[in-house]
Amino acid sequence: MSNVISRGLCIGEATVKTKSKTVAGPTVDTAFFKDLGEVFDRYPEEARKYAVRDISLETEVLHIDFAKQKAVSNIEGNKIITMFVDRDEKVQSVHHACCDWIRSTGWSCIHQCEK
């Protein structure tokens, strides 16, 4: 299971479920979310910009390897369209900024979003 820090606003609490079994979230990874909650509480202004998101859909279903690929999203009407490209592929628009980071040896951008 992999988690990513996403920029955005998160209201309430959500968990990812597969066949009615909770596989991620505060009820599964309790110590991790307890520590993250303390960080979010220490930085309330910054915390409003971020959400924690499980990325097992991308890694386990779509088999995305974030070491080699990144997501790029564009807004089309009322939809957000996301595609996965090789990390070294240039993003067409200069309006893309990082919106998801993953932590491995440091913070790495895995998702660029239209701003």
Protein backbone atom coordinates (compact mmCIF):
# COMPACT_ATOMS: atom_id res chain seq x y z
CA MET A 1 0.00 0.00 0.00
CA SER A 2 1.32 3.42 -0.94
CA ASN A 3 0.17 6.82 0.16
CA VAL A 4 0.76 10.20 -1.36
CA ILE A 5 0.42 13.74 -0.11
CA SER A 6 -1.95 15.60 -2.42
CA ARG A 7 -2.50 19.31 -2.62
CA GLY A 8 -6.15 20.20 -2.23
CA LEU A 9 -8.81 20.49 0.41
CA CYS A 10 -9.94 17.46 2.34
CA ILE A 11 -13.14 17.70 4.33
CA GLY A 12 -13.91 14.80 6.62
CA GLU A 13 -12.36 11.37 6.41
CA ALA A 14 -12.39 8.81 3.62
CA THR A 15 -11.10 5.28 3.25
CA VAL A 16 -10.47 3.14 0.20
CA LYS A 17 -12.49 -0.08 0.13
CA THR A 18 -12.13 -3.20 -1.95
CA LYS A 19 -14.94 -5.77 -1.80
CA SER A 20 -16.24 -4.14 1.42
CA LYS A 21 -12.84 -4.54 3.10
CA THR A 22 -11.10 -1.36 4.22
CA VAL A 23 -7.53 -1.51 2.91
CA ALA A 24 -6.27 1.98 3.67
CA GLY A 25 -7.04 4.95 5.84
CA PRO A 26 -7.08 5.98 9.49
CA THR A 27 -8.78 2.79 10.70
CA VAL A 28 -6.11 0.60 9.06
CA ASP A 29 -2.89 2.61 9.41
CA THR A 30 -3.73 4.09 12.79
CA ALA A 31 -0.21 5.04 13.98
CA PHE A 32 0.65 6.64 10.62
CA PHE A 33 -2.54 8.73 10.62
CA LYS A 34 -2.14 9.63 14.28
CA ASP A 35 1.31 11.09 13.55
CA LEU A 36 0.08 12.82 10.39
CA GLY A 37 -2.83 14.26 12.36
CA GLU A 38 -0.39 15.79 14.82
CA VAL A 39 1.57 17.40 11.97
CA PHE A 40 -1.66 18.72 10.38
CA ASP A 41 -2.71 20.09 13.80
CA ARG A 42 0.65 21.88 14.23
CA TYR A 43 0.31 23.57 10.82
CA PRO A 44 -3.42 24.31 10.39
CA GLU A 45 -3.03 26.93 7.63
CA GLU A 46 -0.86 24.65 5.49
CA ALA A 47 -2.99 21.60 6.33
CA ARG A 48 -5.98 23.15 4.53
CA LYS A 49 -4.05 22.80 1.25
CA TYR A 50 -3.32 19.08 1.55
CA ALA A 51 -5.02 15.69 1.71
CA VAL A 52 -3.69 12.16 2.14
CA ARG A 53 -4.62 9.81 -0.70
CA ASP A 54 -4.12 6.09 -1.18
CA ILE A 55 -2.56 5.37 -4.59
CA SER A 56 -3.12 1.61 -4.75
CA LEU A 57 -5.56 2.11 -7.65
CA GLU A 58 -2.70 3.46 -9.73
CA THR A 59 0.00 1.06 -8.50
CA GLU A 60 -1.98 -2.17 -8.11
CA VAL A 61 -4.71 -1.88 -10.76
CA LEU A 62 -3.05 0.24 -13.46
CA HIS A 63 0.47 -0.99 -12.56
CA ILE A 64 1.95 2.51 -12.65
CA ASP A 65 5.58 2.64 -11.52
CA PHE A 66 6.01 6.14 -10.12
CA ALA A 67 9.80 5.75 -10.25
CA LYS A 68 9.43 5.65 -14.06
CA GLN A 69 6.12 7.41 -14.70
CA LYS A 70 4.14 10.43 -13.54
CA ALA A 71 0.54 11.52 -13.83
CA VAL A 72 -0.45 14.62 -15.80
CA SER A 73 -3.94 16.09 -15.38
CA ASN A 74 -5.86 18.60 -17.46
CA ILE A 75 -9.21 20.23 -16.84
CA GLU A 76 -11.79 19.70 -19.57
CA GLY A 77 -15.10 21.32 -18.70
CA ASN A 78 -16.17 19.84 -15.37
CA LYS A 79 -13.81 16.84 -15.63
CA ILE A 80 -10.23 16.27 -14.61
CA ILE A 81 -8.54 14.01 -17.17
CA THR A 82 -5.41 12.20 -15.97
CA MET A 83 -2.91 10.31 -18.10
CA PHE A 84 0.35 8.64 -17.18
CA VAL A 85 3.56 9.45 -19.05
CA ASP A 86 7.24 8.60 -18.73
CA ARG A 87 8.98 10.81 -16.16
CA ASP A 88 11.33 12.30 -18.73
CA GLU A 89 8.49 13.27 -21.11
CA LYS A 90 7.97 17.02 -21.29
CA VAL A 91 4.57 18.32 -20.24
CA GLN A 92 3.05 20.37 -23.09
CA SER A 93 1.69 23.24 -21.01
CA VAL A 94 3.74 25.57 -18.86
CA HIS A 95 0.72 25.84 -16.58
CA HIS A 96 1.33 22.46 -14.97
CA ALA A 97 2.60 22.43 -11.39
CA CYS A 98 3.18 19.56 -9.01
CA CYS A 99 0.08 18.57 -7.04
CA ASP A 100 1.08 15.11 -5.64
CA TRP A 101 4.35 14.16 -3.99
CA ILE A 102 5.59 10.76 -2.85
CA ARG A 103 8.16 10.20 -0.13
CA SER A 104 10.95 7.73 -0.74
CA THR A 105 14.50 8.97 -0.16
CA GLY A 106 13.13 12.51 -0.45
CA TRP A 107 10.01 14.17 -1.83
CA SER A 108 9.35 13.45 -5.51
CA CYS A 109 6.61 14.88 -7.72
CA ILE A 110 4.38 12.12 -9.16
CA HIS A 111 1.47 14.20 -10.51
CA GLN A 112 1.40 17.46 -12.41
CA CYS A 113 -1.90 19.34 -12.57
CA GLU A 114 -3.18 22.18 -14.70
CA LYS A 115 -3.28 25.35 -12.62
